[in-house]
Structure formats: structure tokens, C-alpha cells
Amino acid sequence: MTQRLKIPPTKSTLLALRRQVTFLQQGYTLLERKRELLTRLVSVQLARYRTLRHDARASLREAYRALSVTHMRMGSRELHQATLGLGPALQVKILPRSSLGVEYPSVAAELLPPQPMGLMGTEASFDDTRRLLAHLAMVLANLGEAETALRRMLAEQRKTQKRVNSLKYNVIPRYQATIRFIQNSLEEEERNTLFQIKLLRREDHERQH
């Protein structure tokens, strides 16, 4: 049995409760709509995350395969010297973004033109390795955005689901049970009042005769 609110069974209370139930039901409808939209958004974001994760794994294998070839041909010392003074390979901008009240960072990564090398003796594979590692960094940046967005959307979806369940199975039923209790109490009180009035009229009628 649903537990009712502990408030006095008066007409003013009944009217206030009815207004509150209407407000709660409207809130429930809005939250349920938000939950549905979040579910769709999570589905889209999950598909994007899985695609980027697959791309990241493929890019990682390709980049490290090229790096191992370059390392084998140039050696550790020469490879280290070749990378000294190199600038960043990509430009990353992080901006705030929001979807259905969920805030997460939006990452915009752009590959920069490769910096020319002034050193002699670098292998041709060195440029390929630089390009592949830069592409890997860009994919990982996008994957980081997708993972953060997905995690926050899932958290908001769970929170919204809890609110929907609380309203549907706890809050609204308690208010409705209280309304029914007050209605029954007021009707019983009215019947008792009418019965008392009938008794008084009957006694008055008997005294007059």
C-alpha cells in the first residue's frame, strides 16, 4: 500500500494537492521526454565512440609499425636527434558544448603542415612515421571527446531515469493516495453532518407534535 502524506484532511489541502499533482505530472512528462531523447543521443554517441575506437586501434597499429621501421633504419640516437626542435604536429581547440543539459568538451583537431627537416641522413620512412603519428594523435583527441561525452550522457541518463522512477512509483502515487484519503474523509464528514442534521430535524419535529 502506498504511504500517504501526513497532512490535515481539509478542502484547502485537497485543492493544493490537486494543483501539485498536476505540476508533478507535467514534470514527469518532461523528464520522460528528456529520458527518451537522452537514450537516442547515447545510442548515436555510442556508435560514434565505437567507430573512433576502431579507427584509433587501426591508426595505432599502423603508426607504431612505421615507427618500428624508422627506428630500425635510423637507430635510437639519430631518431632522437631528428625529433629535437620539432613543433607540434596538430592544432587542438577545446570548446564547451552542451546537449540536453549535458556539458562536455568539444575537441577540434587539425593537422598542421609538416615542419621541414634540416638534418641530413633521415630515412624516407621518417616522414611517413611523423604523418601517421600526427594522424593518430588527432584520432585520439576525437576519441577522448567521444568517450567523455558518452560517459557524461550516460550519467545524466541514469540520473533522469531515477527521477522518472521516483515520480512514477513514489512521489505521484503518494500524492494521489493522499488525495483519495482526503476525499473519502471529507465525504464521510459530510455524510455525518447530513445525518446529524436529519436527526436534529426529526427531534425538532417530534417535539413540535
N, C-alpha and C. Protein backbone atom coordinates (compact mmCIF):
# COMPACT_ATOMS: atom_id res chain seq x y z
N MET A 1 0.84 -1.20 0.00
CA MET A 1 0.00 0.00 0.00
C MET A 1 0.88 1.25 0.00
N THR A 2 0.51 2.22 -0.85
CA THR A 2 1.29 3.44 -0.95
C THR A 2 1.11 4.30 0.29
N GLN A 3 2.20 4.74 0.83
CA GLN A 3 2.14 5.59 2.03
C GLN A 3 1.71 6.99 1.63
N ARG A 4 0.73 7.52 2.37
CA ARG A 4 0.23 8.86 2.05
C ARG A 4 0.97 9.91 2.85
N LEU A 5 0.78 11.16 2.45
CA LEU A 5 1.39 12.29 3.14
C LEU A 5 0.66 12.55 4.46
N LYS A 6 1.40 12.97 5.44
CA LYS A 6 0.82 13.26 6.75
C LYS A 6 0.46 14.74 6.83
N ILE A 7 -0.72 15.05 6.30
CA ILE A 7 -1.22 16.43 6.31
C ILE A 7 -2.70 16.39 6.67
N PRO A 8 -3.23 17.51 7.19
CA PRO A 8 -4.64 17.53 7.62
C PRO A 8 -5.60 17.40 6.44
N PRO A 9 -6.67 16.62 6.59
CA PRO A 9 -7.64 16.41 5.50
C PRO A 9 -8.66 17.55 5.40
N THR A 10 -8.24 18.65 4.81
CA THR A 10 -9.12 19.81 4.65
C THR A 10 -9.34 20.09 3.18
N LYS A 11 -10.36 20.90 2.88
CA LYS A 11 -10.65 21.23 1.49
C LYS A 11 -9.52 22.04 0.86
N SER A 12 -8.95 22.97 1.61
CA SER A 12 -7.85 23.78 1.08
C SER A 12 -6.64 22.90 0.76
N THR A 13 -6.38 21.93 1.63
CA THR A 13 -5.28 21.00 1.38
C THR A 13 -5.55 20.17 0.13
N LEU A 14 -6.80 19.74 -0.04
CA LEU A 14 -7.17 18.95 -1.21
C LEU A 14 -6.94 19.73 -2.50
N LEU A 15 -7.35 21.00 -2.51
CA LEU A 15 -7.15 21.83 -3.70
C LEU A 15 -5.66 22.02 -3.99
N ALA A 16 -4.88 22.25 -2.93
CA ALA A 16 -3.44 22.45 -3.12
C ALA A 16 -2.78 21.18 -3.65
N LEU A 17 -3.21 20.03 -3.12
CA LEU A 17 -2.64 18.77 -3.58
C LEU A 17 -2.96 18.49 -5.05
N ARG A 18 -4.16 18.81 -5.45
CA ARG A 18 -4.54 18.60 -6.86
C ARG A 18 -3.67 19.45 -7.79
N ARG A 19 -3.42 20.69 -7.38
CA ARG A 19 -2.55 21.56 -8.19
C ARG A 19 -1.13 20.99 -8.24
N GLN A 20 -0.65 20.49 -7.10
CA GLN A 20 0.70 19.94 -7.05
C GLN A 20 0.83 18.67 -7.89
N VAL A 21 -0.21 17.83 -7.88
CA VAL A 21 -0.18 16.62 -8.69
C VAL A 21 -0.14 16.96 -10.17
N THR A 22 -0.90 17.97 -10.58
CA THR A 22 -0.86 18.40 -11.98
C THR A 22 0.54 18.86 -12.36
N PHE A 23 1.15 19.63 -11.46
CA PHE A 23 2.53 20.10 -11.71
C PHE A 23 3.51 18.92 -11.77
N LEU A 24 3.36 17.96 -10.87
CA LEU A 24 4.24 16.79 -10.85
C LEU A 24 4.08 15.94 -12.10
N GLN A 25 2.85 15.79 -12.57
CA GLN A 25 2.60 15.01 -13.77
C GLN A 25 3.20 15.68 -15.01
N GLN A 26 3.13 17.01 -15.04
CA GLN A 26 3.77 17.74 -16.14
C GLN A 26 5.29 17.56 -16.08
N GLY A 27 5.85 17.62 -14.87
CA GLY A 27 7.28 17.40 -14.71
C GLY A 27 7.68 15.99 -15.12
N TYR A 28 6.83 15.03 -14.78
CA TYR A 28 7.10 13.63 -15.17
C TYR A 28 7.12 13.49 -16.69
N THR A 29 6.17 14.12 -17.36
CA THR A 29 6.10 14.05 -18.82
C THR A 29 7.35 14.64 -19.46
N LEU A 30 7.80 15.79 -18.92
CA LEU A 30 9.00 16.43 -19.46
C LEU A 30 10.25 15.56 -19.22
N LEU A 31 10.36 15.00 -18.01
CA LEU A 31 11.50 14.15 -17.71
C LEU A 31 11.51 12.88 -18.55
N GLU A 32 10.33 12.31 -18.77
CA GLU A 32 10.23 11.12 -19.60
C GLU A 32 10.66 11.42 -21.03
N ARG A 33 10.27 12.60 -21.52
CA ARG A 33 10.68 13.02 -22.86
C ARG A 33 12.20 13.22 -22.91
N LYS A 34 12.74 13.84 -21.87
CA LYS A 34 14.20 14.03 -21.81
C LYS A 34 14.91 12.69 -21.77
N ARG A 35 14.37 11.74 -21.02
CA ARG A 35 14.99 10.41 -20.93
C ARG A 35 15.02 9.73 -22.30
N GLU A 36 13.93 9.85 -23.05
CA GLU A 36 13.86 9.26 -24.38
C GLU A 36 14.89 9.90 -25.32
N LEU A 37 14.99 11.23 -25.27
CA LEU A 37 15.95 11.93 -26.12
C LEU A 37 17.38 11.58 -25.74
N LEU A 38 17.63 11.46 -24.43
CA LEU A 38 18.97 11.08 -23.98
C LEU A 38 19.32 9.67 -24.43
N THR A 39 18.34 8.78 -24.43
CA THR A 39 18.57 7.41 -24.88
C THR A 39 18.99 7.40 -26.35
N ARG A 40 18.31 8.20 -27.16
CA ARG A 40 18.67 8.29 -28.58
C ARG A 40 20.06 8.91 -28.74
N LEU A 41 20.32 9.96 -27.95
CA LEU A 41 21.62 10.64 -28.03
C LEU A 41 22.75 9.70 -27.62
N VAL A 42 22.51 8.93 -26.58
CA VAL A 42 23.52 7.97 -26.12
C VAL A 42 23.78 6.92 -27.20
N SER A 43 22.73 6.47 -27.87
CA SER A 43 22.88 5.48 -28.93
C SER A 43 23.75 6.01 -30.06
N VAL A 44 23.49 7.26 -30.47
CA VAL A 44 24.29 7.88 -31.54
C VAL A 44 25.74 8.06 -31.09
N GLN A 45 25.91 8.54 -29.85
CA GLN A 45 27.26 8.80 -29.34
C GLN A 45 28.03 7.49 -29.15
N LEU A 46 27.34 6.43 -28.76
CA LEU A 46 27.99 5.14 -28.59
C LEU A 46 28.49 4.60 -29.93
N ALA A 47 27.68 4.76 -30.97
CA ALA A 47 28.11 4.32 -32.30
C ALA A 47 29.33 5.11 -32.76
N ARG A 48 29.33 6.41 -32.50
CA ARG A 48 30.50 7.24 -32.87
C ARG A 48 31.73 6.83 -32.07
N TYR A 49 31.55 6.57 -30.78
CA TYR A 49 32.67 6.17 -29.94
C TYR A 49 33.27 4.84 -30.42
N ARG A 50 32.42 3.88 -30.76
CA ARG A 50 32.92 2.59 -31.23
C ARG A 50 33.68 2.72 -32.54
N THR A 51 33.17 3.58 -33.44
CA THR A 51 33.87 3.82 -34.71
C THR A 51 35.23 4.44 -34.48
N LEU A 52 35.28 5.46 -33.61
CA LEU A 52 36.55 6.12 -33.33
C LEU A 52 37.53 5.18 -32.62
N ARG A 53 37.01 4.35 -31.74
CA ARG A 53 37.88 3.41 -31.04
C ARG A 53 38.48 2.41 -32.02
N HIS A 54 37.66 1.96 -32.98
CA HIS A 54 38.17 1.06 -34.02
C HIS A 54 39.23 1.77 -34.86
N ASP A 55 38.96 3.03 -35.24
CA ASP A 55 39.93 3.80 -36.03
C ASP A 55 41.21 4.03 -35.24
N ALA A 56 41.08 4.29 -33.94
CA ALA A 56 42.25 4.54 -33.11
C ALA A 56 43.14 3.30 -33.03
N ARG A 57 42.54 2.13 -32.88
CA ARG A 57 43.32 0.89 -32.82
C ARG A 57 44.06 0.65 -34.14
N ALA A 58 43.35 0.89 -35.26
CA ALA A 58 43.99 0.70 -36.57
C ALA A 58 45.11 1.71 -36.78
N SER A 59 44.88 2.97 -36.40
CA SER A 59 45.90 4.01 -36.55
C SER A 59 47.09 3.74 -35.64
N LEU A 60 46.82 3.22 -34.45
CA LEU A 60 47.88 2.91 -33.50
C LEU A 60 48.80 1.81 -34.05
N ARG A 61 48.19 0.76 -34.59
CA ARG A 61 48.99 -0.32 -35.16
C ARG A 61 49.83 0.18 -36.34
N GLU A 62 49.22 0.99 -37.21
CA GLU A 62 49.92 1.48 -38.39
C GLU A 62 51.05 2.42 -38.01
N ALA A 63 50.78 3.33 -37.05
CA ALA A 63 51.80 4.30 -36.66
C ALA A 63 52.98 3.62 -35.98
N TYR A 64 52.72 2.67 -35.10
CA TYR A 64 53.81 2.01 -34.38
C TYR A 64 54.57 1.03 -35.28
N ARG A 65 53.91 0.51 -36.27
CA ARG A 65 54.62 -0.32 -37.25
C ARG A 65 55.60 0.54 -38.04
N ALA A 66 55.16 1.73 -38.46
CA ALA A 66 56.05 2.65 -39.18
C ALA A 66 57.17 3.14 -38.28
N LEU A 67 56.85 3.39 -37.02
CA LEU A 67 57.87 3.86 -36.08
C LEU A 67 58.94 2.79 -35.86
N SER A 68 58.52 1.53 -35.79
CA SER A 68 59.49 0.46 -35.59
C SER A 68 60.43 0.33 -36.80
N VAL A 69 59.87 0.55 -38.00
CA VAL A 69 60.70 0.50 -39.21
C VAL A 69 61.70 1.65 -39.20
N THR A 70 61.24 2.85 -38.88
CA THR A 70 62.12 4.01 -38.83
C THR A 70 63.19 3.85 -37.76
N HIS A 71 62.80 3.34 -36.63
CA HIS A 71 63.75 3.11 -35.55
C HIS A 71 64.81 2.09 -35.96
N MET A 72 64.39 1.08 -36.68
CA MET A 72 65.34 0.06 -37.11
C MET A 72 66.33 0.63 -38.12
N ARG A 73 65.86 1.51 -39.00
CA ARG A 73 66.72 2.05 -40.05
C ARG A 73 67.61 3.19 -39.57
N MET A 74 67.10 4.02 -38.63
CA MET A 74 67.86 5.19 -38.20
C MET A 74 68.60 4.97 -36.89
N GLY A 75 68.06 4.13 -36.04
CA GLY A 75 68.66 3.94 -34.74
C GLY A 75 68.12 4.94 -33.73
N SER A 76 68.27 4.63 -32.45
CA SER A 76 67.69 5.47 -31.39
C SER A 76 68.31 6.86 -31.36
N ARG A 77 69.64 6.93 -31.47
CA ARG A 77 70.33 8.22 -31.31
C ARG A 77 69.97 9.16 -32.44
N GLU A 78 70.03 8.67 -33.68
CA GLU A 78 69.72 9.52 -34.83
C GLU A 78 68.25 9.92 -34.84
N LEU A 79 67.38 9.01 -34.45
CA LEU A 79 65.95 9.31 -34.40
C LEU A 79 65.67 10.38 -33.35
N HIS A 80 66.34 10.27 -32.22
CA HIS A 80 66.18 11.27 -31.16
C HIS A 80 66.64 12.65 -31.64
N GLN A 81 67.79 12.70 -32.31
CA GLN A 81 68.30 13.98 -32.81
C GLN A 81 67.38 14.57 -33.87
N ALA A 82 66.80 13.72 -34.68
CA ALA A 82 65.92 14.20 -35.75
C ALA A 82 64.65 14.85 -35.20
N THR A 83 64.23 14.42 -34.01
CA THR A 83 62.98 14.96 -33.45
C THR A 83 63.20 16.19 -32.58
N LEU A 84 64.46 16.54 -32.30
CA LEU A 84 64.73 17.71 -31.47
C LEU A 84 64.30 18.98 -32.19
N GLY A 85 63.59 19.83 -31.49
CA GLY A 85 63.18 21.11 -32.05
C GLY A 85 61.95 21.06 -32.92
N LEU A 86 61.36 19.89 -33.08
CA LEU A 86 60.14 19.81 -33.90
C LEU A 86 58.97 20.44 -33.16
N GLY A 87 58.16 21.19 -33.89
CA GLY A 87 56.97 21.79 -33.29
C GLY A 87 55.82 20.81 -33.27
N PRO A 88 54.67 21.23 -32.76
CA PRO A 88 53.50 20.34 -32.70
C PRO A 88 53.04 19.96 -34.10
N ALA A 89 52.50 18.76 -34.19
CA ALA A 89 52.05 18.26 -35.49
C ALA A 89 50.59 18.58 -35.76
N LEU A 90 49.86 18.96 -34.73
CA LEU A 90 48.45 19.31 -34.93
C LEU A 90 48.04 20.41 -33.96
N GLN A 91 46.98 21.08 -34.33
CA GLN A 91 46.42 22.16 -33.51
C GLN A 91 45.10 21.69 -32.93
N VAL A 92 44.96 21.84 -31.63
CA VAL A 92 43.77 21.34 -30.94
C VAL A 92 43.08 22.50 -30.23
N LYS A 93 41.79 22.63 -30.46
CA LYS A 93 40.96 23.62 -29.76
C LYS A 93 39.89 22.88 -28.98
N ILE A 94 39.75 23.24 -27.71
CA ILE A 94 38.75 22.61 -26.85
C ILE A 94 37.74 23.67 -26.44
N LEU A 95 36.49 23.45 -26.81
CA LEU A 95 35.41 24.40 -26.52
C LEU A 95 34.29 23.69 -25.76
N PRO A 96 33.58 24.42 -24.90
CA PRO A 96 32.46 23.78 -24.18
C PRO A 96 31.28 23.52 -25.13
N ARG A 97 30.62 22.41 -24.90
CA ARG A 97 29.46 22.05 -25.70
C ARG A 97 28.39 21.48 -24.79
N SER A 98 27.13 21.62 -25.19
CA SER A 98 26.04 21.14 -24.35
C SER A 98 24.95 20.53 -25.22
N SER A 99 24.46 19.37 -24.77
CA SER A 99 23.33 18.69 -25.43
C SER A 99 22.37 18.20 -24.36
N LEU A 100 21.12 18.71 -24.39
CA LEU A 100 20.10 18.33 -23.41
C LEU A 100 20.58 18.56 -21.97
N GLY A 101 21.31 19.65 -21.80
CA GLY A 101 21.80 19.99 -20.47
C GLY A 101 23.07 19.28 -20.05
N VAL A 102 23.60 18.42 -20.92
CA VAL A 102 24.84 17.69 -20.62
C VAL A 102 26.00 18.48 -21.22
N GLU A 103 26.91 18.92 -20.37
CA GLU A 103 28.06 19.68 -20.83
C GLU A 103 29.28 18.77 -20.97
N TYR A 104 30.01 18.93 -22.06
CA TYR A 104 31.23 18.16 -22.30
C TYR A 104 32.12 18.96 -23.25
N PRO A 105 33.42 18.68 -23.25
CA PRO A 105 34.34 19.44 -24.12
C PRO A 105 34.22 18.99 -25.57
N SER A 106 34.20 19.96 -26.46
CA SER A 106 34.22 19.67 -27.89
C SER A 106 35.64 19.89 -28.41
N VAL A 107 36.21 18.87 -29.01
CA VAL A 107 37.60 18.91 -29.47
C VAL A 107 37.64 19.09 -30.97
N ALA A 108 38.33 20.13 -31.43
CA ALA A 108 38.54 20.36 -32.85
C ALA A 108 40.03 20.22 -33.11
N ALA A 109 40.44 19.14 -33.75
CA ALA A 109 41.85 18.87 -34.04
C ALA A 109 42.12 19.04 -35.53
N GLU A 110 43.21 19.73 -35.84
CA GLU A 110 43.55 20.00 -37.24
C GLU A 110 45.04 19.72 -37.44
N LEU A 111 45.35 18.94 -38.45
CA LEU A 111 46.75 18.64 -38.77
C LEU A 111 47.45 19.87 -39.33
N LEU A 112 48.64 20.13 -38.83
CA LEU A 112 49.45 21.24 -39.32
C LEU A 112 50.38 20.75 -40.42
N PRO A 113 50.79 21.65 -41.32
CA PRO A 113 51.75 21.23 -42.36
C PRO A 113 53.02 20.70 -41.71
N PRO A 114 53.58 19.61 -42.23
CA PRO A 114 54.79 19.05 -41.62
C PRO A 114 55.95 20.03 -41.65
N GLN A 115 56.65 20.12 -40.55
CA GLN A 115 57.78 21.04 -40.45
C GLN A 115 58.96 20.48 -41.25
N PRO A 116 59.56 21.32 -42.10
CA PRO A 116 60.68 20.82 -42.91
C PRO A 116 61.87 20.45 -42.02
N MET A 117 62.58 19.42 -42.45
CA MET A 117 63.73 18.93 -41.70
C MET A 117 65.01 19.49 -42.30
N GLY A 118 65.91 19.96 -41.46
CA GLY A 118 67.19 20.49 -41.91
C GLY A 118 68.32 19.49 -41.75
N LEU A 119 68.01 18.34 -41.15
CA LEU A 119 69.06 17.35 -40.93
C LEU A 119 69.22 16.45 -42.14
N MET A 120 70.44 16.04 -42.34
CA MET A 120 70.73 15.13 -43.44
C MET A 120 70.71 13.69 -42.91
N GLY A 121 70.43 12.80 -43.78
CA GLY A 121 70.55 11.40 -43.44
C GLY A 121 69.29 10.78 -42.85
N THR A 122 68.16 11.49 -42.80
CA THR A 122 66.92 10.90 -42.28
C THR A 122 66.31 10.00 -43.35
N GLU A 123 65.73 8.93 -42.90
CA GLU A 123 65.09 7.98 -43.80
C GLU A 123 63.77 8.54 -44.33
N ALA A 124 63.39 8.05 -45.50
CA ALA A 124 62.10 8.46 -46.08
C ALA A 124 60.96 8.02 -45.19
N SER A 125 61.16 6.92 -44.48
CA SER A 125 60.11 6.43 -43.59
C SER A 125 59.85 7.37 -42.42
N PHE A 126 60.82 8.24 -42.15
CA PHE A 126 60.67 9.17 -41.01
C PHE A 126 59.47 10.10 -41.21
N ASP A 127 59.31 10.61 -42.44
CA ASP A 127 58.19 11.50 -42.72
C ASP A 127 56.86 10.75 -42.64
N ASP A 128 56.86 9.52 -43.11
CA ASP A 128 55.64 8.71 -43.01
C ASP A 128 55.27 8.47 -41.54
N THR A 129 56.27 8.21 -40.72
CA THR A 129 56.03 7.99 -39.30
C THR A 129 55.47 9.24 -38.64
N ARG A 130 56.06 10.40 -38.96
CA ARG A 130 55.56 11.67 -38.42
C ARG A 130 54.09 11.87 -38.80
N ARG A 131 53.78 11.61 -40.07
CA ARG A 131 52.41 11.81 -40.56
C ARG A 131 51.43 10.86 -39.86
N LEU A 132 51.83 9.62 -39.72
CA LEU A 132 50.95 8.63 -39.10
C LEU A 132 50.75 8.90 -37.61
N LEU A 133 51.81 9.31 -36.93
CA LEU A 133 51.69 9.64 -35.50
C LEU A 133 50.83 10.88 -35.29
N ALA A 134 50.94 11.84 -36.19
CA ALA A 134 50.09 13.04 -36.10
C ALA A 134 48.63 12.68 -36.32
N HIS A 135 48.39 11.81 -37.29
CA HIS A 135 47.01 11.36 -37.53
C HIS A 135 46.48 10.59 -36.33
N LEU A 136 47.32 9.77 -35.73
CA LEU A 136 46.93 9.03 -34.53
C LEU A 136 46.55 9.97 -33.40
N ALA A 137 47.34 11.02 -33.20
CA ALA A 137 47.04 11.99 -32.15
C ALA A 137 45.70 12.66 -32.39
N MET A 138 45.38 12.96 -33.65
CA MET A 138 44.10 13.58 -33.97
C MET A 138 42.94 12.63 -33.69
N VAL A 139 43.10 11.37 -34.06
CA VAL A 139 42.05 10.37 -33.79
C VAL A 139 41.85 10.20 -32.30
N LEU A 140 42.94 10.16 -31.53
CA LEU A 140 42.84 10.00 -30.08
C LEU A 140 42.17 11.21 -29.43
N ALA A 141 42.42 12.41 -29.98
CA ALA A 141 41.76 13.60 -29.46
C ALA A 141 40.25 13.51 -29.66
N ASN A 142 39.85 13.09 -30.84
CA ASN A 142 38.41 12.92 -31.11
C ASN A 142 37.82 11.80 -30.27
N LEU A 143 38.60 10.74 -30.07
CA LEU A 143 38.12 9.62 -29.24
C LEU A 143 37.94 10.08 -27.79
N GLY A 144 38.84 10.91 -27.31
CA GLY A 144 38.71 11.44 -25.95
C GLY A 144 37.45 12.26 -25.79
N GLU A 145 37.12 13.07 -26.80
CA GLU A 145 35.88 13.85 -26.75
C GLU A 145 34.67 12.92 -26.72
N ALA A 146 34.67 11.91 -27.60
CA ALA A 146 33.53 11.00 -27.68
C ALA A 146 33.36 10.22 -26.39
N GLU A 147 34.46 9.78 -25.79
CA GLU A 147 34.38 9.00 -24.55
C GLU A 147 33.87 9.85 -23.40
N THR A 148 34.36 11.09 -23.29
CA THR A 148 33.90 12.00 -22.22
C THR A 148 32.43 12.32 -22.39
N ALA A 149 32.02 12.63 -23.63
CA ALA A 149 30.62 12.94 -23.89
C ALA A 149 29.72 11.75 -23.57
N LEU A 150 30.14 10.56 -23.99
CA LEU A 150 29.34 9.36 -23.74
C LEU A 150 29.21 9.09 -22.24
N ARG A 151 30.30 9.23 -21.50
CA ARG A 151 30.26 8.98 -20.06
C ARG A 151 29.32 9.95 -19.35
N ARG A 152 29.37 11.21 -19.73
CA ARG A 152 28.51 12.21 -19.09
C ARG A 152 27.05 12.05 -19.51
N MET A 153 26.82 11.67 -20.76
CA MET A 153 25.44 11.44 -21.20
C MET A 153 24.83 10.24 -20.49
N LEU A 154 25.62 9.19 -20.30
CA LEU A 154 25.13 8.01 -19.57
C LEU A 154 24.80 8.36 -18.12
N ALA A 155 25.66 9.19 -17.51
CA ALA A 155 25.40 9.60 -16.13
C ALA A 155 24.11 10.42 -16.03
N GLU A 156 23.90 11.32 -16.99
CA GLU A 156 22.68 12.13 -17.00
C GLU A 156 21.46 11.26 -17.29
N GLN A 157 21.62 10.27 -18.15
CA GLN A 157 20.51 9.36 -18.45
C GLN A 157 20.10 8.58 -17.21
N ARG A 158 21.08 8.08 -16.46
CA ARG A 158 20.78 7.34 -15.23
C ARG A 158 20.11 8.24 -14.20
N LYS A 159 20.59 9.46 -14.08
CA LYS A 159 20.00 10.40 -13.13
C LYS A 159 18.56 10.73 -13.51
N THR A 160 18.33 10.95 -14.81
CA THR A 160 16.98 11.25 -15.27
C THR A 160 16.05 10.05 -15.06
N GLN A 161 16.57 8.83 -15.31
CA GLN A 161 15.77 7.63 -15.10
C GLN A 161 15.36 7.48 -13.64
N LYS A 162 16.28 7.79 -12.72
CA LYS A 162 15.95 7.72 -11.30
C LYS A 162 14.84 8.71 -10.94
N ARG A 163 14.92 9.92 -11.51
CA ARG A 163 13.88 10.93 -11.24
C ARG A 163 12.53 10.50 -11.80
N VAL A 164 12.57 9.94 -13.01
CA VAL A 164 11.32 9.45 -13.62
C VAL A 164 10.70 8.35 -12.76
N ASN A 165 11.52 7.39 -12.32
CA ASN A 165 11.02 6.30 -11.48
C ASN A 165 10.50 6.81 -10.15
N SER A 166 11.20 7.79 -9.57
CA SER A 166 10.78 8.33 -8.28
C SER A 166 9.41 8.99 -8.38
N LEU A 167 9.22 9.78 -9.46
CA LEU A 167 7.93 10.44 -9.65
C LEU A 167 6.83 9.42 -9.94
N LYS A 168 7.14 8.44 -10.80
CA LYS A 168 6.12 7.49 -11.24
C LYS A 168 5.71 6.51 -10.13
N TYR A 169 6.68 6.02 -9.38
CA TYR A 169 6.39 4.94 -8.43
C TYR A 169 6.36 5.39 -6.98
N ASN A 170 6.75 6.61 -6.69
CA ASN A 170 6.81 7.05 -5.29
C ASN A 170 6.04 8.35 -5.06
N VAL A 171 6.53 9.43 -5.67
CA VAL A 171 6.00 10.76 -5.33
C VAL A 171 4.55 10.92 -5.76
N ILE A 172 4.27 10.72 -7.06
CA ILE A 172 2.90 10.91 -7.56
C ILE A 172 1.91 9.96 -6.90
N PRO A 173 2.22 8.66 -6.76
CA PRO A 173 1.29 7.76 -6.05
C PRO A 173 1.01 8.20 -4.61
N ARG A 174 2.01 8.74 -3.92
CA ARG A 174 1.78 9.22 -2.55
C ARG A 174 0.79 10.38 -2.53
N TYR A 175 0.97 11.31 -3.47
CA TYR A 175 0.04 12.44 -3.56
C TYR A 175 -1.35 11.96 -3.93
N GLN A 176 -1.45 11.04 -4.88
CA GLN A 176 -2.76 10.55 -5.28
C GLN A 176 -3.44 9.78 -4.16
N ALA A 177 -2.68 9.01 -3.41
CA ALA A 177 -3.25 8.29 -2.26
C ALA A 177 -3.74 9.26 -1.20
N THR A 178 -2.99 10.33 -1.00
CA THR A 178 -3.40 11.35 -0.02
C THR A 178 -4.67 12.05 -0.46
N ILE A 179 -4.76 12.34 -1.78
CA ILE A 179 -5.97 12.97 -2.31
C ILE A 179 -7.18 12.07 -2.10
N ARG A 180 -7.03 10.79 -2.39
CA ARG A 180 -8.15 9.85 -2.19
C ARG A 180 -8.54 9.79 -0.71
N PHE A 181 -7.55 9.78 0.17
CA PHE A 181 -7.83 9.73 1.61
C PHE A 181 -8.59 10.98 2.05
N ILE A 182 -8.15 12.14 1.58
CA ILE A 182 -8.83 13.39 1.98
C ILE A 182 -10.24 13.44 1.40
N GLN A 183 -10.40 13.02 0.14
CA GLN A 183 -11.73 12.98 -0.46
C GLN A 183 -12.67 12.09 0.35
N ASN A 184 -12.19 10.91 0.70
CA ASN A 184 -13.01 9.98 1.50
C ASN A 184 -13.32 10.57 2.87
N SER A 185 -12.33 11.22 3.48
CA SER A 185 -12.53 11.82 4.80
C SER A 185 -13.57 12.93 4.74
N LEU A 186 -13.48 13.78 3.71
CA LEU A 186 -14.43 14.89 3.57
C LEU A 186 -15.83 14.37 3.26
N GLU A 187 -15.93 13.33 2.42
CA GLU A 187 -17.24 12.75 2.12
C GLU A 187 -17.86 12.12 3.36
N GLU A 188 -17.02 11.43 4.15
CA GLU A 188 -17.52 10.83 5.39
C GLU A 188 -17.97 11.90 6.37
N GLU A 189 -17.21 12.96 6.43
CA GLU A 189 -17.58 14.07 7.32
C GLU A 189 -18.88 14.71 6.87
N GLU A 190 -19.04 14.83 5.54
CA GLU A 190 -20.27 15.42 5.02
C GLU A 190 -21.47 14.52 5.30
N ARG A 191 -21.30 13.20 5.16
CA ARG A 191 -22.39 12.27 5.46
C ARG A 191 -22.77 12.33 6.94
N ASN A 192 -21.76 12.42 7.80
CA ASN A 192 -22.04 12.53 9.23
C ASN A 192 -22.78 13.82 9.55
N THR A 193 -22.40 14.89 8.89
CA THR A 193 -23.06 16.17 9.12
C THR A 193 -24.52 16.10 8.67
N LEU A 194 -24.75 15.51 7.49
CA LEU A 194 -26.12 15.38 6.99
C LEU A 194 -26.95 14.49 7.91
N PHE A 195 -26.34 13.44 8.43
CA PHE A 195 -27.05 12.55 9.35
C PHE A 195 -27.42 13.27 10.63
N GLN A 196 -26.49 14.07 11.14
CA GLN A 196 -26.77 14.84 12.36
C GLN A 196 -27.89 15.86 12.11
N ILE A 197 -27.87 16.48 10.94
CA ILE A 197 -28.93 17.44 10.61
C ILE A 197 -30.29 16.76 10.54
N LYS A 198 -30.35 15.57 9.95
CA LYS A 198 -31.60 14.82 9.87
C LYS A 198 -32.10 14.45 11.27
N LEU A 199 -31.18 14.04 12.13
CA LEU A 199 -31.57 13.70 13.50
C LEU A 199 -32.14 14.91 14.22
N LEU A 200 -31.47 16.04 14.07
CA LEU A 200 -31.95 17.26 14.73
C LEU A 200 -33.33 17.67 14.21
N ARG A 201 -33.52 17.54 12.91
CA ARG A 201 -34.83 17.89 12.33
C ARG A 201 -35.91 16.94 12.82
N ARG A 202 -35.58 15.66 12.91
CA ARG A 202 -36.55 14.69 13.39
C ARG A 202 -36.92 14.96 14.85
N GLU A 203 -35.89 15.23 15.68
CA GLU A 203 -36.17 15.53 17.08
C GLU A 203 -36.97 16.80 17.21
N ASP A 204 -36.66 17.79 16.40
CA ASP A 204 -37.42 19.02 16.46
C ASP A 204 -38.88 18.81 16.02
N HIS A 205 -39.04 17.98 15.00
CA HIS A 205 -40.38 17.68 14.51
C HIS A 205 -41.19 16.93 15.57
N GLU A 206 -40.55 16.00 16.27
CA GLU A 206 -41.23 15.22 17.30
C GLU A 206 -41.63 16.13 18.48
N ARG A 207 -40.78 17.08 18.82
CA ARG A 207 -41.11 17.98 19.93
C ARG A 207 -42.29 18.85 19.57
N GLN A 208 -42.38 19.25 18.31
CA GLN A 208 -43.47 20.13 17.90
C GLN A 208 -44.82 19.39 17.90
N HIS A 209 -44.76 18.08 17.79
CA HIS A 209 -46.02 17.31 17.79
C HIS A 209 -46.18 16.54 19.09
